[in-house]
Structure formats: structure tokens, C-alpha cells
Amino acid sequence: MKSLYLYFLCILISVQMNSSAQNIKNKGNYTYLVREEKGDLNNDGKMDRITVKMDLTDETRPLRFQVFLSQPNGKLTLAVSSTKVIEPQYPVEKQGKPNGYQIPSFFIEKGILRMWSEIEGGNITYDFKYNNGNFELIKVKKFTHDETKGYIDEYTIFTETEFNLISGLRTETDDRSDSGGILSKRKKIVLIRPLPKLQDFKFSDKKIY
């Protein structure tokens, strides 16, 4: 009877250890600092902090983005933490190959949290503003290019997209690289309510804008 008890006790301990190991694995080991930026995000006159850290123990090299906000006592409190904002350097679907893009850059300018990312054929910039405890997406600016062969010379068409999420105005402007002027300009109203929040943001959202 005693040996049977010890047998079940060993099984229980084994299950608990496996569960704890799984929880640690899920949390990740984000120890390598890749990006850091400081500035006032919540307009309290104190420095807030942004960090991007990589998990070097995971072969996909995932990245964790975090925002720390200053408190009246001078300490920093974690406000946002996400592993979805930035694509892993070696996505599973690419089977060991890099994603082909630089790790996004972050800036704090006049209370705006700005994220600049490379995309296929260009780049995209997101502006987030702190409001009622959340960082809301208020503006998106995107540049893309399309190499096109004209009748005489080769030129590139650049498309600039500006999307003001507060007003809903989305403007697309096509321009030529050979100073041929604006080819076309398109405007439309796209209302997104409520405004997207940083904690819900995913790197794949670039396809939406």
C-alpha cells in the first residue's frame, strides 16, 4: 500500500514539474535588449521607457515589446507587454529562414509613441497616443514603390498613404520618381471604432492599413 502511495506521489510531482516547465517556456526568456527608448508618454513630466527584448533560447528569435510608465513615486510600472507587436526574426513558416525585415524602430515625440517598420516594397509608421489608460492608434503613414517600365525610360511609382484614424480620412497619393508629378490622388473615409489599442496590435495588422 505504501509503495502504491509513493508511486502516485511521484506521478503527481512529475506532472507539476512538467506544468511549471511549460509555464516558464510560455513566458519566454527575453533577456537580450535590442531596442530602448525614453521619453514622456503620459504627459506627467517624467521619463517613461520602451524596451524590445529578444529570446535567444528560442530558435525563432521572438521579440517582446514593453512599455513602462512613470509613477508619482518615481518608479516605472509595466503598462503594455506583447510578443505580437514584432514578428519573430525566424518565423516558423519560413523554416529557419529570416523574415527579411529589420527589427522595428521606436521613437517618442511630443507624447506620441511612434513605431517605424519595414514592409514589402517600403515602410510603415504607426502613431500611438496615450488616452484613458490605453495607447490608441491615431495615425498610419505608409510608403510603397512599384517599379514600372514606361514607354521610353524606366521609372518608379511611389505611393504614399496617410490614414488619420481620428477623422477617418485615408489618402493615397501616387507619384513618379522622375519628377513627373502626381499621377493620382484618392481619398475616402474609413471609420474604425473603437480605435485600435497597442496591447491588441499584431505585426500582421500592417495588411489592414
Protein backbone atom coordinates (compact mmCIF):
# COMPACT_ATOMS: atom_id res chain seq x y z
CA MET A 1 0.00 0.00 0.00
CA LYS A 2 2.87 2.31 0.91
CA SER A 3 4.65 1.63 -2.38
CA LEU A 4 1.45 2.40 -4.31
CA TYR A 5 1.15 5.72 -2.49
CA LEU A 6 4.75 6.60 -3.35
CA TYR A 7 4.10 5.69 -7.00
CA PHE A 8 1.16 8.12 -7.31
CA LEU A 9 3.09 10.79 -5.41
CA CYS A 10 5.95 10.56 -7.93
CA ILE A 11 3.48 10.88 -10.81
CA LEU A 12 1.90 13.97 -9.23
CA ILE A 13 5.29 15.63 -8.71
CA SER A 14 6.28 14.83 -12.30
CA VAL A 15 3.07 16.38 -13.66
CA GLN A 16 3.58 19.53 -11.58
CA MET A 17 7.20 19.87 -12.74
CA ASN A 18 6.18 19.50 -16.40
CA SER A 19 3.44 22.07 -15.91
CA SER A 20 5.86 24.53 -14.31
CA ALA A 21 8.38 23.99 -17.12
CA GLN A 22 5.65 24.65 -19.69
CA ASN A 23 4.68 27.90 -17.97
CA ILE A 24 8.30 29.04 -17.98
CA LYS A 25 8.58 28.18 -21.66
CA ASN A 26 5.44 30.16 -22.46
CA LYS A 27 6.78 33.20 -20.64
CA GLY A 28 9.97 33.04 -22.66
CA ASN A 29 13.48 34.09 -21.80
CA TYR A 30 13.63 37.63 -23.11
CA THR A 31 17.00 38.80 -21.85
CA TYR A 32 18.75 40.36 -24.87
CA LEU A 33 17.99 44.09 -25.14
CA VAL A 34 17.51 45.13 -28.78
CA ARG A 35 15.77 48.50 -28.52
CA GLU A 36 15.31 51.05 -25.75
CA GLU A 37 13.75 54.50 -25.86
CA LYS A 38 12.92 57.01 -23.14
CA GLY A 39 10.51 59.94 -23.16
CA ASP A 40 7.31 61.33 -21.67
CA LEU A 41 4.31 59.37 -22.94
CA ASN A 42 1.63 60.20 -20.36
CA ASN A 43 2.35 63.93 -20.06
CA ASP A 44 3.39 63.85 -16.42
CA GLY A 45 6.80 65.41 -16.99
CA LYS A 46 8.61 62.19 -16.10
CA MET A 47 10.55 59.79 -18.31
CA ASP A 48 8.78 56.64 -19.48
CA ARG A 49 10.57 53.70 -21.07
CA ILE A 50 10.15 51.41 -24.08
CA THR A 51 12.09 48.18 -24.47
CA VAL A 52 12.34 45.44 -27.08
CA LYS A 53 13.99 42.23 -25.89
CA MET A 54 14.79 39.02 -27.76
CA ASP A 55 14.62 35.42 -26.56
CA LEU A 56 17.93 33.91 -27.71
CA THR A 57 16.98 30.46 -26.42
CA ASP A 58 14.12 30.16 -28.92
CA GLU A 59 15.23 29.29 -32.47
CA THR A 60 12.57 31.61 -33.96
CA ARG A 61 14.13 34.56 -32.05
CA PRO A 62 10.84 36.08 -30.84
CA LEU A 63 10.74 39.65 -29.52
CA ARG A 64 8.86 41.11 -26.59
CA PHE A 65 7.79 44.75 -26.67
CA GLN A 66 7.10 46.52 -23.38
CA VAL A 67 6.07 50.00 -22.24
CA PHE A 68 6.82 51.21 -18.71
CA LEU A 69 5.08 54.33 -17.42
CA SER A 70 6.40 56.60 -14.67
CA GLN A 71 4.53 56.85 -11.38
CA PRO A 72 4.33 59.72 -8.81
CA ASN A 73 6.81 57.85 -6.61
CA GLY A 74 9.36 57.89 -9.43
CA LYS A 75 9.14 54.18 -10.18
CA LEU A 76 8.19 52.64 -13.52
CA THR A 77 5.15 50.38 -13.90
CA LEU A 78 4.58 47.94 -16.76
CA ALA A 79 1.71 49.25 -18.91
CA VAL A 80 1.97 47.12 -22.08
CA SER A 81 3.70 43.81 -22.75
CA SER A 82 3.29 41.92 -26.01
CA THR A 83 5.10 39.34 -28.15
CA LYS A 84 2.71 40.01 -31.07
CA VAL A 85 3.79 43.56 -31.96
CA ILE A 86 7.00 42.42 -33.67
CA GLU A 87 7.42 39.42 -35.96
CA PRO A 88 9.98 36.79 -34.86
CA GLN A 89 13.28 37.03 -36.73
CA TYR A 90 12.95 33.44 -37.97
CA PRO A 91 9.22 32.70 -38.31
CA VAL A 92 8.17 29.06 -38.08
CA GLU A 93 6.55 29.19 -41.52
CA LYS A 94 9.87 30.20 -43.12
CA GLN A 95 11.56 27.03 -41.85
CA GLY A 96 14.73 28.57 -40.49
CA LYS A 97 14.96 31.49 -42.91
CA PRO A 98 14.86 35.14 -41.69
CA ASN A 99 11.74 37.22 -42.18
CA GLY A 100 13.73 39.66 -44.33
CA TYR A 101 12.94 42.82 -42.34
CA GLN A 102 14.78 44.92 -39.81
CA ILE A 103 13.55 44.97 -36.24
CA PRO A 104 11.18 47.97 -35.98
CA SER A 105 12.45 51.25 -34.51
CA PHE A 106 10.56 53.16 -31.81
CA PHE A 107 10.53 56.88 -31.03
CA ILE A 108 8.83 59.15 -28.52
CA GLU A 109 7.98 62.55 -29.99
CA LYS A 110 5.71 65.10 -28.28
CA GLY A 111 3.91 62.41 -26.31
CA ILE A 112 3.44 60.18 -29.35
CA LEU A 113 4.76 56.62 -29.41
CA ARG A 114 5.96 56.06 -32.98
CA MET A 115 6.83 52.70 -34.50
CA TRP A 116 8.63 52.51 -37.86
CA SER A 117 8.66 49.15 -39.65
CA GLU A 118 9.84 47.79 -42.96
CA ILE A 119 7.23 46.16 -45.17
CA GLU A 120 7.39 44.58 -48.60
CA GLY A 121 8.33 47.34 -51.05
CA GLY A 122 8.52 50.11 -48.49
CA ASN A 123 7.88 51.06 -44.87
CA ILE A 124 5.05 51.92 -42.50
CA THR A 125 4.85 54.18 -39.44
CA TYR A 126 2.28 53.87 -36.65
CA ASP A 127 1.49 56.64 -34.16
CA PHE A 128 0.02 55.69 -30.79
CA LYS A 129 -1.23 58.18 -28.19
CA TYR A 130 -1.89 57.53 -24.51
CA ASN A 131 -5.55 58.10 -23.63
CA ASN A 132 -7.55 56.91 -20.61
CA GLY A 133 -5.08 54.18 -19.72
CA ASN A 134 -4.59 52.89 -23.28
CA PHE A 135 -2.27 53.58 -26.19
CA GLU A 136 -4.60 54.16 -29.15
CA LEU A 137 -3.57 54.06 -32.80
CA ILE A 138 -4.28 57.53 -34.20
CA LYS A 139 -2.27 57.69 -37.43
CA VAL A 140 -0.69 55.41 -40.02
CA LYS A 141 1.70 56.53 -42.75
CA LYS A 142 2.91 54.14 -45.41
CA PHE A 143 5.35 54.41 -48.34
CA THR A 144 5.49 51.76 -51.05
CA HIS A 145 7.01 51.65 -54.52
CA ASP A 146 6.29 49.78 -57.73
CA GLU A 147 8.93 49.58 -60.45
CA THR A 148 7.22 50.18 -63.77
CA LYS A 149 8.68 50.44 -67.25
CA GLY A 150 7.44 53.41 -69.23
CA TYR A 151 7.42 53.84 -73.00
CA ILE A 152 10.86 55.50 -73.05
CA ASP A 153 12.53 55.36 -69.65
CA GLU A 154 12.15 53.26 -66.57
CA TYR A 155 10.69 54.99 -63.53
CA THR A 156 9.27 54.07 -60.16
CA ILE A 157 5.82 54.84 -58.84
CA PHE A 158 5.79 55.79 -55.17
CA THR A 159 2.55 55.54 -53.25
CA GLU A 160 2.15 57.48 -50.02
CA THR A 161 -0.76 56.51 -47.80
CA GLU A 162 -1.84 58.66 -44.87
CA PHE A 163 -4.58 57.40 -42.60
CA ASN A 164 -5.89 59.64 -39.83
CA LEU A 165 -7.84 57.22 -37.65
CA ILE A 166 -9.36 60.01 -35.55
CA SER A 167 -11.08 61.69 -38.52
CA GLY A 168 -11.21 58.51 -40.62
CA LEU A 169 -9.65 60.24 -43.66
CA ARG A 170 -7.46 57.92 -45.71
CA THR A 171 -5.46 59.48 -48.58
CA GLU A 172 -3.41 57.65 -51.20
CA THR A 173 -1.08 59.62 -53.48
CA ASP A 174 0.81 58.15 -56.45
CA ASP A 175 3.94 60.00 -57.56
CA ARG A 176 6.69 59.34 -60.13
CA SER A 177 10.38 59.06 -59.25
CA ASP A 178 11.38 61.01 -62.37
CA SER A 179 9.68 64.20 -61.14
CA GLY A 180 6.78 63.56 -63.46
CA GLY A 181 4.40 64.88 -60.84
CA ILE A 182 1.43 63.37 -59.06
CA LEU A 183 -0.24 60.64 -61.08
CA SER A 184 -3.32 60.26 -58.93
CA LYS A 185 -4.77 61.04 -55.53
CA ARG A 186 -7.52 59.09 -53.83
CA LYS A 187 -9.44 59.96 -50.67
CA LYS A 188 -12.02 58.06 -48.67
CA ILE A 189 -13.43 57.91 -45.16
CA VAL A 190 -12.77 54.74 -43.17
CA LEU A 191 -14.03 54.84 -39.59
CA ILE A 192 -12.58 52.35 -37.11
CA ARG A 193 -14.26 52.44 -33.72
CA PRO A 194 -13.07 51.98 -31.10
CA LEU A 195 -9.55 53.00 -32.04
CA PRO A 196 -7.13 50.04 -32.13
CA LYS A 197 -5.13 49.58 -28.92
CA LEU A 198 -1.42 48.85 -28.72
CA GLN A 199 -1.91 45.83 -26.44
CA ASP A 200 -4.09 44.23 -29.15
CA PHE A 201 -1.81 45.20 -32.04
CA LYS A 202 -0.19 42.45 -34.15
CA PHE A 203 2.61 42.75 -36.72
CA SER A 204 0.28 41.20 -39.30
CA ASP A 205 -2.06 44.20 -38.95
CA LYS A 206 0.10 46.02 -41.49
CA LYS A 207 -2.03 44.36 -44.16
CA ILE A 208 -5.10 46.18 -42.84
CA TYR A 209 -3.73 49.67 -43.43
